[in-house]
N, C-alpha and C. Protein backbone atom coordinates (compact mmCIF):
# COMPACT_ATOMS: atom_id res chain seq x y z
N MET A 1 -38.47 -78.23 -71.35
CA MET A 1 -39.42 -77.64 -72.26
C MET A 1 -39.72 -78.63 -73.37
N ALA A 2 -40.94 -78.62 -73.78
CA ALA A 2 -41.36 -79.51 -74.87
C ALA A 2 -40.76 -79.02 -76.18
N ALA A 3 -40.53 -79.94 -77.07
CA ALA A 3 -39.96 -79.58 -78.37
C ALA A 3 -40.89 -78.62 -79.09
N GLY A 4 -40.31 -77.57 -79.67
CA GLY A 4 -41.10 -76.62 -80.42
C GLY A 4 -41.67 -75.49 -79.55
N ARG A 5 -41.53 -75.60 -78.25
CA ARG A 5 -42.04 -74.55 -77.37
C ARG A 5 -40.88 -73.72 -76.85
N ARG A 6 -41.00 -72.44 -76.97
CA ARG A 6 -39.97 -71.53 -76.50
C ARG A 6 -40.54 -70.67 -75.39
N PHE A 7 -39.72 -70.40 -74.41
CA PHE A 7 -40.11 -69.50 -73.33
C PHE A 7 -39.88 -68.08 -73.79
N THR A 8 -40.90 -67.24 -73.65
CA THR A 8 -40.80 -65.86 -74.10
C THR A 8 -41.19 -64.91 -72.98
N ALA A 9 -40.87 -63.65 -73.16
CA ALA A 9 -41.27 -62.64 -72.19
C ALA A 9 -42.80 -62.56 -72.14
N GLY A 10 -43.45 -62.75 -73.27
CA GLY A 10 -44.91 -62.76 -73.29
C GLY A 10 -45.48 -63.91 -72.48
N GLY A 11 -44.83 -65.07 -72.56
CA GLY A 11 -45.26 -66.21 -71.77
C GLY A 11 -45.11 -65.95 -70.28
N MET A 12 -44.01 -65.31 -69.92
CA MET A 12 -43.80 -64.96 -68.51
C MET A 12 -44.84 -63.94 -68.06
N ALA A 13 -45.08 -62.95 -68.89
CA ALA A 13 -46.08 -61.93 -68.55
C ALA A 13 -47.46 -62.56 -68.37
N LEU A 14 -47.79 -63.50 -69.21
CA LEU A 14 -49.07 -64.19 -69.10
C LEU A 14 -49.16 -64.97 -67.80
N ARG A 15 -48.08 -65.64 -67.42
CA ARG A 15 -48.07 -66.36 -66.14
C ARG A 15 -48.27 -65.40 -64.97
N ILE A 16 -47.62 -64.24 -65.04
CA ILE A 16 -47.75 -63.25 -63.97
C ILE A 16 -49.17 -62.70 -63.93
N VAL A 17 -49.73 -62.39 -65.09
CA VAL A 17 -51.11 -61.87 -65.14
C VAL A 17 -52.08 -62.87 -64.54
N PHE A 18 -51.96 -64.14 -64.92
CA PHE A 18 -52.87 -65.16 -64.36
C PHE A 18 -52.67 -65.32 -62.86
N ALA A 19 -51.44 -65.24 -62.38
CA ALA A 19 -51.19 -65.36 -60.95
C ALA A 19 -51.80 -64.18 -60.19
N VAL A 20 -51.63 -62.98 -60.72
CA VAL A 20 -52.21 -61.79 -60.07
C VAL A 20 -53.74 -61.88 -60.09
N LEU A 21 -54.30 -62.34 -61.21
CA LEU A 21 -55.76 -62.53 -61.27
C LEU A 21 -56.23 -63.56 -60.25
N LEU A 22 -55.47 -64.62 -60.06
CA LEU A 22 -55.82 -65.63 -59.06
C LEU A 22 -55.85 -65.01 -57.66
N VAL A 23 -54.83 -64.24 -57.34
CA VAL A 23 -54.77 -63.60 -56.03
C VAL A 23 -55.94 -62.64 -55.86
N PHE A 24 -56.16 -61.76 -56.84
CA PHE A 24 -57.24 -60.78 -56.74
C PHE A 24 -58.62 -61.40 -56.79
N ALA A 25 -58.78 -62.52 -57.51
CA ALA A 25 -60.07 -63.21 -57.54
C ALA A 25 -60.38 -63.84 -56.19
N THR A 26 -59.35 -64.28 -55.49
CA THR A 26 -59.55 -64.89 -54.19
C THR A 26 -59.93 -63.85 -53.15
N PHE A 27 -59.17 -62.77 -53.09
CA PHE A 27 -59.47 -61.68 -52.17
C PHE A 27 -58.87 -60.39 -52.69
N ASN A 28 -59.60 -59.31 -52.51
CA ASN A 28 -59.07 -57.98 -52.76
C ASN A 28 -59.89 -56.98 -51.96
N PRO A 29 -59.36 -55.80 -51.70
CA PRO A 29 -60.05 -54.83 -50.86
C PRO A 29 -61.29 -54.18 -51.48
N SER A 30 -61.53 -54.40 -52.77
CA SER A 30 -62.66 -53.74 -53.42
C SER A 30 -64.01 -54.30 -52.99
N GLY A 31 -64.01 -55.51 -52.44
CA GLY A 31 -65.26 -56.15 -52.07
C GLY A 31 -65.79 -57.06 -53.16
N HIS A 32 -65.09 -57.13 -54.29
CA HIS A 32 -65.49 -57.98 -55.41
C HIS A 32 -64.49 -59.12 -55.54
N SER A 33 -64.64 -60.15 -54.72
CA SER A 33 -63.74 -61.29 -54.74
C SER A 33 -64.50 -62.52 -54.27
N PHE A 34 -63.86 -63.68 -54.40
CA PHE A 34 -64.48 -64.91 -53.94
C PHE A 34 -64.78 -64.85 -52.45
N ALA A 35 -63.84 -64.34 -51.67
CA ALA A 35 -64.04 -64.28 -50.22
C ALA A 35 -65.28 -63.47 -49.86
N HIS A 36 -65.44 -62.31 -50.49
CA HIS A 36 -66.61 -61.48 -50.21
C HIS A 36 -67.89 -62.15 -50.70
N TRP A 37 -67.84 -62.73 -51.88
CA TRP A 37 -69.01 -63.39 -52.46
C TRP A 37 -69.42 -64.58 -51.61
N ALA A 38 -68.45 -65.39 -51.22
CA ALA A 38 -68.76 -66.60 -50.44
C ALA A 38 -69.35 -66.24 -49.08
N LEU A 39 -68.84 -65.21 -48.45
CA LEU A 39 -69.37 -64.82 -47.15
C LEU A 39 -70.76 -64.22 -47.25
N GLY A 40 -71.04 -63.57 -48.37
CA GLY A 40 -72.35 -62.94 -48.53
C GLY A 40 -73.40 -63.82 -49.17
N ALA A 41 -73.00 -64.81 -49.94
CA ALA A 41 -73.97 -65.60 -50.71
C ALA A 41 -73.93 -67.08 -50.37
N ALA A 42 -73.27 -67.44 -49.29
CA ALA A 42 -73.06 -68.85 -48.99
C ALA A 42 -74.36 -69.63 -48.85
N ARG A 43 -75.39 -69.06 -48.27
CA ARG A 43 -76.64 -69.79 -48.07
C ARG A 43 -77.43 -69.93 -49.36
N ASP A 44 -77.39 -68.93 -50.19
CA ASP A 44 -78.20 -68.96 -51.42
C ASP A 44 -77.58 -69.82 -52.52
N ASN A 45 -76.27 -69.82 -52.63
CA ASN A 45 -75.58 -70.49 -53.73
C ASN A 45 -74.51 -71.46 -53.24
N LEU A 46 -74.79 -72.21 -52.22
CA LEU A 46 -73.77 -73.06 -51.62
C LEU A 46 -73.09 -74.00 -52.61
N PRO A 47 -73.80 -74.68 -53.51
CA PRO A 47 -73.09 -75.55 -54.47
C PRO A 47 -72.15 -74.77 -55.39
N LEU A 48 -72.58 -73.59 -55.83
CA LEU A 48 -71.74 -72.78 -56.70
C LEU A 48 -70.53 -72.23 -55.93
N VAL A 49 -70.76 -71.83 -54.70
CA VAL A 49 -69.65 -71.35 -53.85
C VAL A 49 -68.64 -72.48 -53.64
N ALA A 50 -69.14 -73.69 -53.38
CA ALA A 50 -68.25 -74.84 -53.17
C ALA A 50 -67.45 -75.13 -54.43
N LEU A 51 -68.10 -75.12 -55.59
CA LEU A 51 -67.39 -75.37 -56.86
C LEU A 51 -66.32 -74.32 -57.10
N ALA A 52 -66.67 -73.06 -56.92
CA ALA A 52 -65.69 -71.99 -57.12
C ALA A 52 -64.56 -72.09 -56.11
N GLY A 53 -64.88 -72.42 -54.88
CA GLY A 53 -63.86 -72.56 -53.84
C GLY A 53 -62.89 -73.68 -54.13
N VAL A 54 -63.42 -74.83 -54.54
CA VAL A 54 -62.55 -75.97 -54.87
C VAL A 54 -61.70 -75.63 -56.09
N THR A 55 -62.27 -74.96 -57.07
CA THR A 55 -61.50 -74.55 -58.25
C THR A 55 -60.35 -73.63 -57.85
N LEU A 56 -60.63 -72.66 -56.99
CA LEU A 56 -59.56 -71.76 -56.52
C LEU A 56 -58.51 -72.53 -55.73
N LEU A 57 -58.94 -73.47 -54.90
CA LEU A 57 -57.98 -74.28 -54.14
C LEU A 57 -57.06 -75.07 -55.07
N ILE A 58 -57.62 -75.63 -56.12
CA ILE A 58 -56.81 -76.38 -57.10
C ILE A 58 -55.78 -75.45 -57.75
N LEU A 59 -56.24 -74.28 -58.18
CA LEU A 59 -55.32 -73.33 -58.82
C LEU A 59 -54.23 -72.87 -57.84
N TRP A 60 -54.62 -72.59 -56.59
CA TRP A 60 -53.63 -72.20 -55.59
C TRP A 60 -52.62 -73.32 -55.36
N ALA A 61 -53.09 -74.56 -55.31
CA ALA A 61 -52.18 -75.69 -55.10
C ALA A 61 -51.18 -75.79 -56.24
N ILE A 62 -51.65 -75.63 -57.46
CA ILE A 62 -50.77 -75.68 -58.63
C ILE A 62 -49.73 -74.57 -58.56
N TYR A 63 -50.18 -73.35 -58.34
CA TYR A 63 -49.27 -72.20 -58.31
C TYR A 63 -48.30 -72.27 -57.15
N LEU A 64 -48.80 -72.60 -55.94
CA LEU A 64 -47.91 -72.65 -54.78
C LEU A 64 -46.88 -73.77 -54.90
N ARG A 65 -47.32 -74.93 -55.37
CA ARG A 65 -46.39 -76.05 -55.49
C ARG A 65 -45.31 -75.74 -56.52
N ALA A 66 -45.72 -75.22 -57.68
CA ALA A 66 -44.73 -74.90 -58.72
C ALA A 66 -43.78 -73.81 -58.25
N THR A 67 -44.31 -72.80 -57.57
CA THR A 67 -43.47 -71.70 -57.09
C THR A 67 -42.49 -72.17 -56.04
N PHE A 68 -42.99 -72.95 -55.07
CA PHE A 68 -42.09 -73.42 -54.02
C PHE A 68 -41.04 -74.37 -54.56
N ARG A 69 -41.43 -75.24 -55.49
CA ARG A 69 -40.45 -76.18 -56.06
C ARG A 69 -39.41 -75.45 -56.90
N ALA A 70 -39.81 -74.41 -57.59
CA ALA A 70 -38.87 -73.68 -58.45
C ALA A 70 -37.95 -72.77 -57.64
N LEU A 71 -38.51 -72.08 -56.65
CA LEU A 71 -37.73 -71.09 -55.92
C LEU A 71 -37.16 -71.60 -54.60
N GLY A 72 -37.85 -72.53 -53.95
CA GLY A 72 -37.44 -72.96 -52.62
C GLY A 72 -37.80 -71.90 -51.60
N ALA A 73 -37.60 -72.20 -50.35
CA ALA A 73 -37.95 -71.27 -49.27
C ALA A 73 -37.13 -69.98 -49.35
N LEU A 74 -35.82 -70.13 -49.55
CA LEU A 74 -34.96 -68.95 -49.62
C LEU A 74 -35.30 -68.10 -50.84
N GLY A 75 -35.47 -68.73 -51.98
CA GLY A 75 -35.82 -68.00 -53.20
C GLY A 75 -37.16 -67.30 -53.09
N LEU A 76 -38.10 -67.96 -52.45
CA LEU A 76 -39.42 -67.35 -52.23
C LEU A 76 -39.30 -66.11 -51.35
N ALA A 77 -38.50 -66.21 -50.29
CA ALA A 77 -38.29 -65.06 -49.40
C ALA A 77 -37.57 -63.94 -50.14
N LEU A 78 -36.56 -64.30 -50.94
CA LEU A 78 -35.81 -63.28 -51.68
C LEU A 78 -36.66 -62.61 -52.76
N ALA A 79 -37.47 -63.39 -53.47
CA ALA A 79 -38.35 -62.82 -54.49
C ALA A 79 -39.36 -61.87 -53.85
N THR A 80 -39.93 -62.29 -52.74
CA THR A 80 -40.89 -61.44 -52.04
C THR A 80 -40.21 -60.15 -51.58
N ALA A 81 -39.03 -60.27 -51.00
CA ALA A 81 -38.30 -59.08 -50.54
C ALA A 81 -37.95 -58.17 -51.72
N PHE A 82 -37.54 -58.75 -52.85
CA PHE A 82 -37.19 -57.95 -54.02
C PHE A 82 -38.38 -57.14 -54.52
N PHE A 83 -39.53 -57.81 -54.71
CA PHE A 83 -40.69 -57.10 -55.24
C PHE A 83 -41.30 -56.14 -54.22
N ALA A 84 -41.20 -56.45 -52.95
CA ALA A 84 -41.65 -55.51 -51.92
C ALA A 84 -40.76 -54.27 -51.92
N ALA A 85 -39.45 -54.47 -52.05
CA ALA A 85 -38.52 -53.33 -52.13
C ALA A 85 -38.78 -52.52 -53.39
N PHE A 86 -39.13 -53.19 -54.49
CA PHE A 86 -39.45 -52.48 -55.73
C PHE A 86 -40.67 -51.59 -55.54
N VAL A 87 -41.69 -52.11 -54.87
CA VAL A 87 -42.89 -51.30 -54.57
C VAL A 87 -42.49 -50.13 -53.68
N TRP A 88 -41.62 -50.35 -52.73
CA TRP A 88 -41.15 -49.29 -51.84
C TRP A 88 -40.43 -48.20 -52.64
N VAL A 89 -39.59 -48.60 -53.59
CA VAL A 89 -38.89 -47.62 -54.45
C VAL A 89 -39.91 -46.81 -55.24
N LEU A 90 -40.93 -47.47 -55.81
CA LEU A 90 -41.96 -46.75 -56.57
C LEU A 90 -42.73 -45.78 -55.68
N ALA A 91 -43.01 -46.20 -54.46
CA ALA A 91 -43.72 -45.32 -53.53
C ALA A 91 -42.83 -44.14 -53.12
N ASP A 92 -41.57 -44.41 -52.88
CA ASP A 92 -40.63 -43.35 -52.50
C ASP A 92 -40.43 -42.34 -53.62
N ALA A 93 -40.49 -42.82 -54.87
CA ALA A 93 -40.33 -41.94 -56.03
C ALA A 93 -41.62 -41.19 -56.36
N GLY A 94 -42.71 -41.51 -55.67
CA GLY A 94 -43.97 -40.84 -55.92
C GLY A 94 -44.79 -41.46 -57.04
N VAL A 95 -44.34 -42.57 -57.57
CA VAL A 95 -45.08 -43.25 -58.64
C VAL A 95 -46.32 -43.92 -58.07
N LEU A 96 -46.20 -44.49 -56.87
CA LEU A 96 -47.33 -45.10 -56.17
C LEU A 96 -47.62 -44.33 -54.90
N THR A 97 -48.89 -44.26 -54.55
CA THR A 97 -49.30 -43.66 -53.29
C THR A 97 -49.84 -44.77 -52.41
N LEU A 98 -49.14 -45.04 -51.32
CA LEU A 98 -49.53 -46.12 -50.42
C LEU A 98 -49.95 -45.57 -49.06
N SER A 99 -50.70 -44.48 -49.07
CA SER A 99 -51.05 -43.82 -47.81
C SER A 99 -52.18 -44.52 -47.07
N GLY A 100 -53.09 -45.18 -47.77
CA GLY A 100 -54.22 -45.82 -47.11
C GLY A 100 -54.00 -47.30 -46.91
N GLY A 101 -54.79 -47.89 -46.03
CA GLY A 101 -54.70 -49.32 -45.77
C GLY A 101 -55.04 -50.14 -47.00
N ALA A 102 -56.05 -49.71 -47.76
CA ALA A 102 -56.44 -50.45 -48.96
C ALA A 102 -55.33 -50.42 -50.00
N ALA A 103 -54.63 -49.31 -50.12
CA ALA A 103 -53.54 -49.21 -51.09
C ALA A 103 -52.41 -50.17 -50.71
N MET A 104 -52.15 -50.29 -49.43
CA MET A 104 -51.13 -51.25 -48.97
C MET A 104 -51.57 -52.68 -49.25
N GLU A 105 -52.86 -52.96 -49.05
CA GLU A 105 -53.38 -54.30 -49.34
C GLU A 105 -53.23 -54.63 -50.82
N TRP A 106 -53.62 -53.68 -51.69
CA TRP A 106 -53.49 -53.91 -53.12
C TRP A 106 -52.03 -54.19 -53.50
N ALA A 107 -51.11 -53.40 -52.92
CA ALA A 107 -49.69 -53.58 -53.22
C ALA A 107 -49.19 -54.95 -52.74
N ALA A 108 -49.57 -55.34 -51.53
CA ALA A 108 -49.14 -56.63 -50.99
C ALA A 108 -49.70 -57.78 -51.81
N LEU A 109 -50.96 -57.67 -52.21
CA LEU A 109 -51.57 -58.72 -53.03
C LEU A 109 -50.92 -58.78 -54.41
N ALA A 110 -50.60 -57.61 -54.97
CA ALA A 110 -49.92 -57.59 -56.28
C ALA A 110 -48.54 -58.24 -56.17
N VAL A 111 -47.81 -57.95 -55.09
CA VAL A 111 -46.50 -58.57 -54.89
C VAL A 111 -46.66 -60.09 -54.79
N ALA A 112 -47.66 -60.54 -54.05
CA ALA A 112 -47.90 -61.99 -53.93
C ALA A 112 -48.16 -62.61 -55.31
N GLY A 113 -48.98 -61.94 -56.12
CA GLY A 113 -49.27 -62.45 -57.45
C GLY A 113 -48.06 -62.47 -58.36
N VAL A 114 -47.26 -61.42 -58.30
CA VAL A 114 -46.06 -61.36 -59.14
C VAL A 114 -45.07 -62.45 -58.71
N VAL A 115 -44.91 -62.65 -57.41
CA VAL A 115 -44.02 -63.71 -56.93
C VAL A 115 -44.50 -65.07 -57.42
N LEU A 116 -45.80 -65.33 -57.36
CA LEU A 116 -46.34 -66.59 -57.88
C LEU A 116 -46.08 -66.73 -59.38
N GLY A 117 -46.29 -65.66 -60.11
CA GLY A 117 -46.05 -65.70 -61.56
C GLY A 117 -44.59 -65.93 -61.90
N VAL A 118 -43.69 -65.28 -61.18
CA VAL A 118 -42.26 -65.49 -61.40
C VAL A 118 -41.90 -66.93 -61.02
N GLY A 119 -42.48 -67.41 -59.94
CA GLY A 119 -42.23 -68.80 -59.54
C GLY A 119 -42.65 -69.79 -60.60
N MET A 120 -43.78 -69.50 -61.26
CA MET A 120 -44.24 -70.37 -62.35
C MET A 120 -43.28 -70.34 -63.54
N SER A 121 -42.53 -69.27 -63.67
CA SER A 121 -41.62 -69.10 -64.81
C SER A 121 -40.17 -69.41 -64.47
N TRP A 122 -39.85 -69.57 -63.20
CA TRP A 122 -38.45 -69.59 -62.78
C TRP A 122 -37.64 -70.74 -63.39
N SER A 123 -38.21 -71.91 -63.51
CA SER A 123 -37.46 -73.03 -64.09
C SER A 123 -37.03 -72.71 -65.51
N HIS A 124 -37.90 -72.03 -66.26
CA HIS A 124 -37.55 -71.63 -67.63
C HIS A 124 -36.43 -70.59 -67.62
N ILE A 125 -36.54 -69.63 -66.71
CA ILE A 125 -35.54 -68.56 -66.62
C ILE A 125 -34.18 -69.16 -66.24
N ARG A 126 -34.17 -70.03 -65.24
CA ARG A 126 -32.93 -70.66 -64.80
C ARG A 126 -32.31 -71.48 -65.93
N ALA A 127 -33.13 -72.19 -66.69
CA ALA A 127 -32.62 -72.98 -67.82
C ALA A 127 -31.99 -72.08 -68.87
N MET A 128 -32.61 -70.93 -69.12
CA MET A 128 -32.05 -70.00 -70.11
C MET A 128 -30.73 -69.41 -69.62
N LEU A 129 -30.66 -69.07 -68.32
CA LEU A 129 -29.45 -68.45 -67.78
C LEU A 129 -28.29 -69.44 -67.63
N SER A 130 -28.61 -70.65 -67.19
CA SER A 130 -27.55 -71.61 -66.88
C SER A 130 -27.35 -72.68 -67.95
N GLY A 131 -28.33 -72.86 -68.80
CA GLY A 131 -28.25 -73.92 -69.78
C GLY A 131 -28.60 -75.28 -69.20
N GLN A 132 -29.00 -75.31 -67.95
CA GLN A 132 -29.35 -76.56 -67.28
C GLN A 132 -30.85 -76.61 -67.04
N ALA A 133 -31.47 -77.68 -67.46
CA ALA A 133 -32.92 -77.85 -67.26
C ALA A 133 -33.17 -78.55 -65.94
N ASP A 134 -34.29 -78.23 -65.33
CA ASP A 134 -34.74 -78.91 -64.12
C ASP A 134 -35.58 -80.10 -64.54
N VAL A 135 -35.34 -81.21 -63.90
CA VAL A 135 -36.13 -82.41 -64.17
C VAL A 135 -36.58 -82.96 -62.82
N ASP A 136 -37.88 -82.99 -62.60
CA ASP A 136 -38.43 -83.46 -61.34
C ASP A 136 -39.29 -84.68 -61.59
N ASP A 137 -39.39 -85.52 -60.57
CA ASP A 137 -40.29 -86.68 -60.60
C ASP A 137 -40.03 -87.57 -61.80
N VAL A 138 -38.78 -87.90 -62.04
CA VAL A 138 -38.42 -88.77 -63.15
C VAL A 138 -38.61 -90.21 -62.70
N ALA A 139 -39.32 -91.00 -63.50
CA ALA A 139 -39.51 -92.42 -63.18
C ALA A 139 -38.22 -93.17 -63.42
N ASP A 140 -37.94 -94.16 -62.56
CA ASP A 140 -36.71 -94.97 -62.72
C ASP A 140 -36.85 -95.96 -63.82
């Protein structure tokens, strides 16, 4: 962490919100997403579709790389299983209704976004819990 910067719950929440927005902006069952827009408007706005697509690809690369580096394959699988089980508990308790296909899609996409957001925060969390910082790509 840079000097003067502290990791906070608000910072983690912000990372999760941005990750969920990235997932939902890319695709969601409502029909209002990049995937729907690109398929419907590709001929009329091809340069704008290309710019938006490349921007989303860059953001996905950043989020996926940071998440995979922080959590690893096992951690990614465990985080996904944890949040999927959490959604299952909420559905079983009647807090969520997952009876339709679209509801399941929304839940799966939300889990993907939360996992990405936690992955973006995991190095900070691990440093707080263990007192050990992660250092990657250090020049010799």
